[in-house]
Amino acid sequence: MRMIIASFAAIALLAGCAAPNEPGAMYSPPPVANVAPTQVAPVPYVRAPRPTGRDSYNAEKLAKNRGCAAQPLASLTAKGPGFETYSAPCSDGRAIAIRCEVGNCRVL
């Protein structure tokens, strides 16, 4: 047991640390001289493009004809073989779901 403690103490001294279980053993990193703090550059905010699909125009046209918004922006929410599903926000705060199949769109 004494040999194990002695080997830990030797390893700690080689590493530049105080031996474990030693009273008052505290580690403090060495001071770094002549280092200026780094400046953080601001990252510009870039809005991600909204997901669109083949029938985005038709979905927006349907939302506008339903009186949803003067300038609706339909976002693609799901896509499968032969269909696309869109979500279009309205002026009053609600949103409508639109499903388009081969260019024919309908409100869900």
Protein backbone atom coordinates (compact mmCIF):
# COMPACT_ATOMS: atom_id res chain seq x y z
CA MET A 1 0.00 0.00 0.00
CA ARG A 2 2.84 2.35 0.82
CA MET A 3 4.39 1.66 -2.56
CA ILE A 4 1.17 2.69 -4.34
CA ILE A 5 0.98 5.99 -2.45
CA ALA A 6 4.64 6.64 -3.15
CA SER A 7 4.14 5.99 -6.87
CA PHE A 8 1.16 8.41 -6.95
CA ALA A 9 3.29 11.03 -5.24
CA ALA A 10 6.09 10.50 -7.77
CA ILE A 11 3.68 10.80 -10.69
CA ALA A 12 2.14 13.95 -9.22
CA LEU A 13 5.55 15.54 -8.72
CA LEU A 14 6.55 14.70 -12.27
CA ALA A 15 3.33 16.25 -13.56
CA GLY A 16 4.00 19.46 -11.62
CA CYS A 17 1.09 18.96 -9.22
CA ALA A 18 0.98 18.50 -5.50
CA ALA A 19 0.69 14.94 -4.26
CA PRO A 20 -2.87 13.70 -3.67
CA ASN A 21 -4.13 13.49 -0.10
CA GLU A 22 -1.54 16.04 0.95
CA PRO A 23 -2.92 18.78 3.20
CA GLY A 24 -3.19 22.07 1.39
CA ALA A 25 -2.64 20.47 -2.02
CA MET A 26 -4.08 22.89 -4.58
CA TYR A 27 -3.36 23.30 -8.24
CA SER A 28 -3.05 26.67 -9.82
CA PRO A 29 -2.13 27.00 -13.47
CA PRO A 30 1.03 28.95 -14.27
CA PRO A 31 0.45 32.58 -15.23
CA VAL A 32 0.48 33.38 -18.93
CA ALA A 33 2.46 36.49 -19.81
CA ASN A 34 2.03 38.89 -22.72
CA VAL A 35 -1.26 37.46 -23.97
CA ALA A 36 -3.88 39.95 -25.11
CA PRO A 37 -7.56 39.01 -24.75
CA THR A 38 -9.09 37.98 -28.05
CA GLN A 39 -11.84 40.04 -29.60
CA VAL A 40 -15.00 38.26 -30.69
CA ALA A 41 -16.15 39.25 -34.16
CA PRO A 42 -19.92 39.66 -34.56
CA VAL A 43 -21.55 37.09 -36.80
CA PRO A 44 -24.13 38.57 -39.17
CA TYR A 45 -27.64 37.10 -38.98
CA VAL A 46 -28.62 35.36 -42.18
CA ARG A 47 -32.17 34.14 -42.44
CA ALA A 48 -32.45 30.61 -43.77
CA PRO A 49 -34.37 30.40 -47.02
CA ARG A 50 -37.87 29.03 -46.63
CA PRO A 51 -38.36 25.55 -48.02
CA THR A 52 -40.14 25.57 -51.35
CA GLY A 53 -41.26 22.91 -53.77
CA ARG A 54 -42.59 22.40 -57.26
CA ASP A 55 -46.09 23.65 -56.39
CA SER A 56 -45.19 26.60 -54.12
CA TYR A 57 -46.69 29.11 -56.54
CA ASN A 58 -49.98 27.19 -56.75
CA ALA A 59 -50.19 26.88 -52.95
CA GLU A 60 -49.59 30.62 -52.47
CA LYS A 61 -52.17 31.40 -55.14
CA LEU A 62 -54.76 29.21 -53.36
CA ALA A 63 -54.01 30.88 -50.00
CA LYS A 64 -54.42 34.32 -51.57
CA ASN A 65 -57.74 33.32 -53.22
CA ARG A 66 -59.00 32.09 -49.83
CA GLY A 67 -58.33 35.55 -48.38
CA CYS A 68 -55.59 34.30 -46.09
CA ALA A 69 -53.10 37.12 -46.74
CA ALA A 70 -52.35 39.70 -49.38
CA GLN A 71 -48.86 38.23 -49.85
CA PRO A 72 -48.89 34.64 -48.49
CA LEU A 73 -45.59 32.75 -48.32
CA ALA A 74 -46.21 29.01 -48.38
CA SER A 75 -43.49 26.84 -46.82
CA LEU A 76 -43.00 23.22 -47.79
CA THR A 77 -43.67 20.96 -44.78
CA ALA A 78 -43.75 17.49 -46.34
CA LYS A 79 -43.00 15.90 -49.67
CA GLY A 80 -43.72 12.45 -51.00
CA PRO A 81 -44.21 10.62 -54.27
CA GLY A 82 -46.68 12.76 -56.20
CA PHE A 83 -47.67 15.19 -53.43
CA GLU A 84 -46.42 18.15 -51.43
CA THR A 85 -47.85 19.66 -48.25
CA TYR A 86 -47.48 23.36 -47.47
CA SER A 87 -48.20 25.66 -44.55
CA ALA A 88 -49.20 29.26 -45.27
CA PRO A 89 -49.43 31.84 -42.46
CA CYS A 90 -52.41 34.19 -42.59
CA SER A 91 -52.72 37.87 -41.65
CA ASP A 92 -54.93 37.11 -38.63
CA GLY A 93 -52.31 34.84 -37.01
CA ARG A 94 -53.67 31.45 -38.04
CA ALA A 95 -52.12 29.19 -40.66
CA ILE A 96 -53.67 26.94 -43.27
CA ALA A 97 -52.39 23.60 -44.50
CA ILE A 98 -52.41 22.98 -48.24
CA ARG A 99 -51.85 19.71 -50.09
CA CYS A 100 -50.86 19.71 -53.74
CA GLU A 101 -51.00 16.65 -55.98
CA VAL A 102 -49.67 17.01 -59.53
CA GLY A 103 -50.35 20.76 -59.57
CA ASN A 104 -53.87 20.54 -58.04
CA CYS A 105 -53.91 22.14 -54.59
CA ARG A 106 -56.59 21.98 -51.89
CA VAL A 107 -56.92 23.24 -48.32
CA LEU A 108 -56.77 20.53 -45.68
